Amino acid sequence: RAEVEHHGFEIYRYMAALRNAGLEFVGMSSVGPAIAVITDRPEEEVATILSSVGLQIAIVTGIDNEGLKIRVEEKV
């Protein structure tokens, strides 16, 4: 709420437009005004959706859905 009060309700309008476009997850960073999108759609498709509301991709990364892995090495 504090982020919206600071940056205005425009960020909510952007997020609503992205959700209405069918993106699976749309959220806001805790300090705003960054919007995060998690999707399995191709980057080009996401870029097209974003540009339709005046936004652009800043960072692209991937996930492996493997969770945390701990490896223990024995000392000799």
N, C-alpha and C. Protein backbone atom coordinates (compact mmCIF):
# COMPACT_ATOMS: atom_id res chain seq x y z
N ARG A 1 0.82 -1.19 0.00
CA ARG A 1 0.00 0.00 0.00
C ARG A 1 0.86 1.25 0.00
N ALA A 2 1.92 1.25 0.79
CA ALA A 2 2.79 2.43 0.86
C ALA A 2 3.41 2.72 -0.50
N GLU A 3 3.78 1.66 -1.23
CA GLU A 3 4.39 1.84 -2.54
C GLU A 3 3.40 2.50 -3.50
N VAL A 4 2.15 2.06 -3.44
CA VAL A 4 1.13 2.62 -4.32
C VAL A 4 0.87 4.07 -3.96
N GLU A 5 0.81 4.37 -2.67
CA GLU A 5 0.60 5.75 -2.26
C GLU A 5 1.75 6.64 -2.73
N HIS A 6 2.96 6.10 -2.70
CA HIS A 6 4.13 6.87 -3.12
C HIS A 6 4.19 7.03 -4.64
N HIS A 7 3.90 5.97 -5.38
CA HIS A 7 4.06 5.98 -6.84
C HIS A 7 2.75 6.21 -7.58
N GLY A 8 1.63 6.20 -6.88
CA GLY A 8 0.34 6.42 -7.52
C GLY A 8 -0.30 5.12 -7.96
N PHE A 9 -1.55 5.21 -8.35
CA PHE A 9 -2.31 4.03 -8.72
C PHE A 9 -2.01 3.55 -10.13
N GLU A 10 -1.18 4.28 -10.86
CA GLU A 10 -0.82 3.87 -12.22
C GLU A 10 -0.21 2.47 -12.23
N ILE A 11 0.58 2.15 -11.21
CA ILE A 11 1.21 0.82 -11.17
C ILE A 11 0.14 -0.27 -11.09
N TYR A 12 -0.96 -0.02 -10.36
CA TYR A 12 -2.06 -0.98 -10.32
C TYR A 12 -2.70 -1.16 -11.69
N ARG A 13 -2.81 -0.06 -12.43
CA ARG A 13 -3.39 -0.15 -13.78
C ARG A 13 -2.51 -0.98 -14.69
N TYR A 14 -1.19 -0.79 -14.59
CA TYR A 14 -0.27 -1.61 -15.38
C TYR A 14 -0.41 -3.09 -15.02
N MET A 15 -0.42 -3.37 -13.73
CA MET A 15 -0.51 -4.76 -13.27
C MET A 15 -1.83 -5.39 -13.71
N ALA A 16 -2.91 -4.66 -13.63
CA ALA A 16 -4.22 -5.18 -14.05
C ALA A 16 -4.21 -5.47 -15.55
N ALA A 17 -3.60 -4.60 -16.34
CA ALA A 17 -3.54 -4.81 -17.78
C ALA A 17 -2.74 -6.07 -18.11
N LEU A 18 -1.65 -6.30 -17.39
CA LEU A 18 -0.84 -7.50 -17.63
C LEU A 18 -1.58 -8.76 -17.21
N ARG A 19 -2.30 -8.70 -16.11
CA ARG A 19 -3.11 -9.85 -15.69
C ARG A 19 -4.22 -10.12 -16.70
N ASN A 20 -4.86 -9.06 -17.17
CA ASN A 20 -5.93 -9.21 -18.16
C ASN A 20 -5.41 -9.78 -19.47
N ALA A 21 -4.13 -9.57 -19.75
CA ALA A 21 -3.51 -10.13 -20.95
C ALA A 21 -3.21 -11.61 -20.78
N GLY A 22 -3.44 -12.13 -19.57
CA GLY A 22 -3.29 -13.56 -19.33
C GLY A 22 -1.95 -14.00 -18.76
N LEU A 23 -1.11 -13.04 -18.35
CA LEU A 23 0.16 -13.45 -17.74
C LEU A 23 -0.13 -14.15 -16.41
N GLU A 24 0.59 -15.23 -16.16
CA GLU A 24 0.28 -16.11 -15.04
C GLU A 24 0.51 -15.48 -13.67
N PHE A 25 1.60 -14.73 -13.53
CA PHE A 25 1.90 -14.09 -12.24
C PHE A 25 2.39 -12.68 -12.51
N VAL A 26 1.76 -11.72 -11.87
CA VAL A 26 2.17 -10.33 -11.96
C VAL A 26 2.22 -9.80 -10.53
N GLY A 27 3.37 -9.28 -10.12
CA GLY A 27 3.51 -8.75 -8.77
C GLY A 27 4.38 -7.51 -8.76
N MET A 28 4.39 -6.82 -7.64
CA MET A 28 5.19 -5.60 -7.51
C MET A 28 6.29 -5.84 -6.49
N SER A 29 7.46 -5.28 -6.77
CA SER A 29 8.55 -5.38 -5.80
C SER A 29 8.14 -4.69 -4.51
N SER A 30 8.80 -5.05 -3.43
CA SER A 30 8.40 -4.52 -2.13
C SER A 30 8.64 -3.03 -2.00
N VAL A 31 9.55 -2.47 -2.77
CA VAL A 31 9.78 -1.04 -2.70
C VAL A 31 9.26 -0.30 -3.92
N GLY A 32 8.79 -1.03 -4.92
CA GLY A 32 8.23 -0.42 -6.11
C GLY A 32 9.24 0.48 -6.81
N PRO A 33 8.99 0.95 -7.95
CA PRO A 33 7.82 0.64 -8.75
C PRO A 33 8.06 -0.49 -9.75
N ALA A 34 8.94 -1.44 -9.45
CA ALA A 34 9.19 -2.54 -10.38
C ALA A 34 8.05 -3.55 -10.36
N ILE A 35 7.70 -4.05 -11.54
CA ILE A 35 6.68 -5.09 -11.67
C ILE A 35 7.39 -6.36 -12.11
N ALA A 36 7.08 -7.46 -11.43
CA ALA A 36 7.66 -8.76 -11.78
C ALA A 36 6.61 -9.60 -12.47
N VAL A 37 7.04 -10.32 -13.51
CA VAL A 37 6.16 -11.23 -14.24
C VAL A 37 6.83 -12.59 -14.27
N ILE A 38 6.10 -13.62 -13.88
CA ILE A 38 6.59 -14.99 -13.98
C ILE A 38 5.68 -15.71 -14.96
N THR A 39 6.27 -16.25 -16.02
CA THR A 39 5.49 -16.90 -17.06
C THR A 39 6.36 -17.89 -17.82
N ASP A 40 5.70 -18.81 -18.52
CA ASP A 40 6.45 -19.70 -19.39
C ASP A 40 6.28 -19.30 -20.85
N ARG A 41 5.72 -18.13 -21.09
CA ARG A 41 5.56 -17.64 -22.46
C ARG A 41 6.90 -17.19 -23.03
N PRO A 42 7.04 -17.23 -24.35
CA PRO A 42 8.28 -16.77 -24.98
C PRO A 42 8.53 -15.28 -24.70
N GLU A 43 9.80 -14.92 -24.61
CA GLU A 43 10.17 -13.54 -24.31
C GLU A 43 9.56 -12.55 -25.30
N GLU A 44 9.52 -12.91 -26.57
CA GLU A 44 8.97 -12.02 -27.59
C GLU A 44 7.49 -11.73 -27.33
N GLU A 45 6.76 -12.76 -26.92
CA GLU A 45 5.33 -12.58 -26.63
C GLU A 45 5.13 -11.65 -25.43
N VAL A 46 5.94 -11.85 -24.40
CA VAL A 46 5.85 -11.00 -23.21
C VAL A 46 6.22 -9.56 -23.57
N ALA A 47 7.25 -9.39 -24.38
CA ALA A 47 7.65 -8.04 -24.80
C ALA A 47 6.53 -7.34 -25.54
N THR A 48 5.81 -8.08 -26.37
CA THR A 48 4.69 -7.50 -27.10
C THR A 48 3.58 -7.06 -26.16
N ILE A 49 3.26 -7.92 -25.18
CA ILE A 49 2.23 -7.58 -24.20
C ILE A 49 2.65 -6.34 -23.41
N LEU A 50 3.89 -6.31 -22.96
CA LEU A 50 4.37 -5.17 -22.18
C LEU A 50 4.35 -3.88 -23.00
N SER A 51 4.81 -3.96 -24.23
CA SER A 51 4.86 -2.74 -25.05
C SER A 51 3.47 -2.20 -25.34
N SER A 52 2.46 -3.07 -25.32
CA SER A 52 1.10 -2.60 -25.59
C SER A 52 0.58 -1.67 -24.50
N VAL A 53 1.22 -1.72 -23.31
CA VAL A 53 0.83 -0.81 -22.23
C VAL A 53 1.95 0.17 -21.88
N GLY A 54 2.96 0.24 -22.74
CA GLY A 54 4.03 1.21 -22.55
C GLY A 54 5.14 0.76 -21.62
N LEU A 55 5.29 -0.55 -21.42
CA LEU A 55 6.35 -1.07 -20.55
C LEU A 55 7.35 -1.86 -21.38
N GLN A 56 8.49 -2.18 -20.77
CA GLN A 56 9.49 -2.99 -21.46
C GLN A 56 10.16 -3.94 -20.47
N ILE A 57 10.77 -4.97 -21.00
CA ILE A 57 11.48 -5.95 -20.17
C ILE A 57 12.80 -5.34 -19.71
N ALA A 58 13.09 -5.47 -18.42
CA ALA A 58 14.36 -4.98 -17.88
C ALA A 58 15.32 -6.13 -17.61
N ILE A 59 14.82 -7.23 -17.07
CA ILE A 59 15.66 -8.38 -16.72
C ILE A 59 14.91 -9.65 -17.09
N VAL A 60 15.63 -10.60 -17.68
CA VAL A 60 15.07 -11.91 -17.98
C VAL A 60 15.95 -12.95 -17.29
N THR A 61 15.32 -13.87 -16.61
CA THR A 61 16.06 -14.94 -15.95
C THR A 61 15.24 -16.22 -16.07
N GLY A 62 15.77 -17.30 -15.57
CA GLY A 62 15.06 -18.57 -15.63
C GLY A 62 15.00 -19.24 -14.28
N ILE A 63 14.16 -20.24 -14.18
CA ILE A 63 14.07 -21.02 -12.96
C ILE A 63 14.22 -22.49 -13.32
N ASP A 64 14.65 -23.28 -12.36
CA ASP A 64 14.78 -24.71 -12.62
C ASP A 64 13.80 -25.54 -11.81
N ASN A 65 13.12 -24.93 -10.85
CA ASN A 65 12.12 -25.60 -10.03
C ASN A 65 12.67 -26.84 -9.34
N GLU A 66 13.95 -26.82 -9.02
CA GLU A 66 14.59 -27.95 -8.36
C GLU A 66 14.69 -27.75 -6.85
N GLY A 67 14.52 -26.54 -6.39
CA GLY A 67 14.65 -26.28 -4.96
C GLY A 67 16.10 -26.21 -4.54
N LEU A 68 16.31 -26.14 -3.25
CA LEU A 68 17.64 -26.03 -2.69
C LEU A 68 18.33 -27.38 -2.70
N LYS A 69 19.58 -27.39 -3.11
CA LYS A 69 20.38 -28.62 -3.08
C LYS A 69 21.58 -28.39 -2.17
N ILE A 70 21.81 -29.32 -1.28
CA ILE A 70 22.95 -29.23 -0.37
C ILE A 70 23.91 -30.36 -0.68
N ARG A 71 25.15 -30.00 -0.88
CA ARG A 71 26.17 -31.01 -1.15
C ARG A 71 27.19 -30.97 -0.02
N VAL A 72 27.45 -32.10 0.57
CA VAL A 72 28.41 -32.19 1.66
C VAL A 72 29.63 -32.93 1.15
N GLU A 73 30.78 -32.29 1.28
CA GLU A 73 32.02 -32.93 0.86
C GLU A 73 32.78 -33.38 2.09
N GLU A 74 33.27 -34.59 2.03
CA GLU A 74 34.06 -35.11 3.14
C GLU A 74 35.47 -34.57 3.06
N LYS A 75 36.00 -34.17 4.22
CA LYS A 75 37.38 -33.71 4.28
C LYS A 75 38.28 -34.92 4.48
N VAL A 76 39.35 -34.95 3.75
CA VAL A 76 40.27 -36.09 3.83
C VAL A 76 41.41 -35.77 4.75
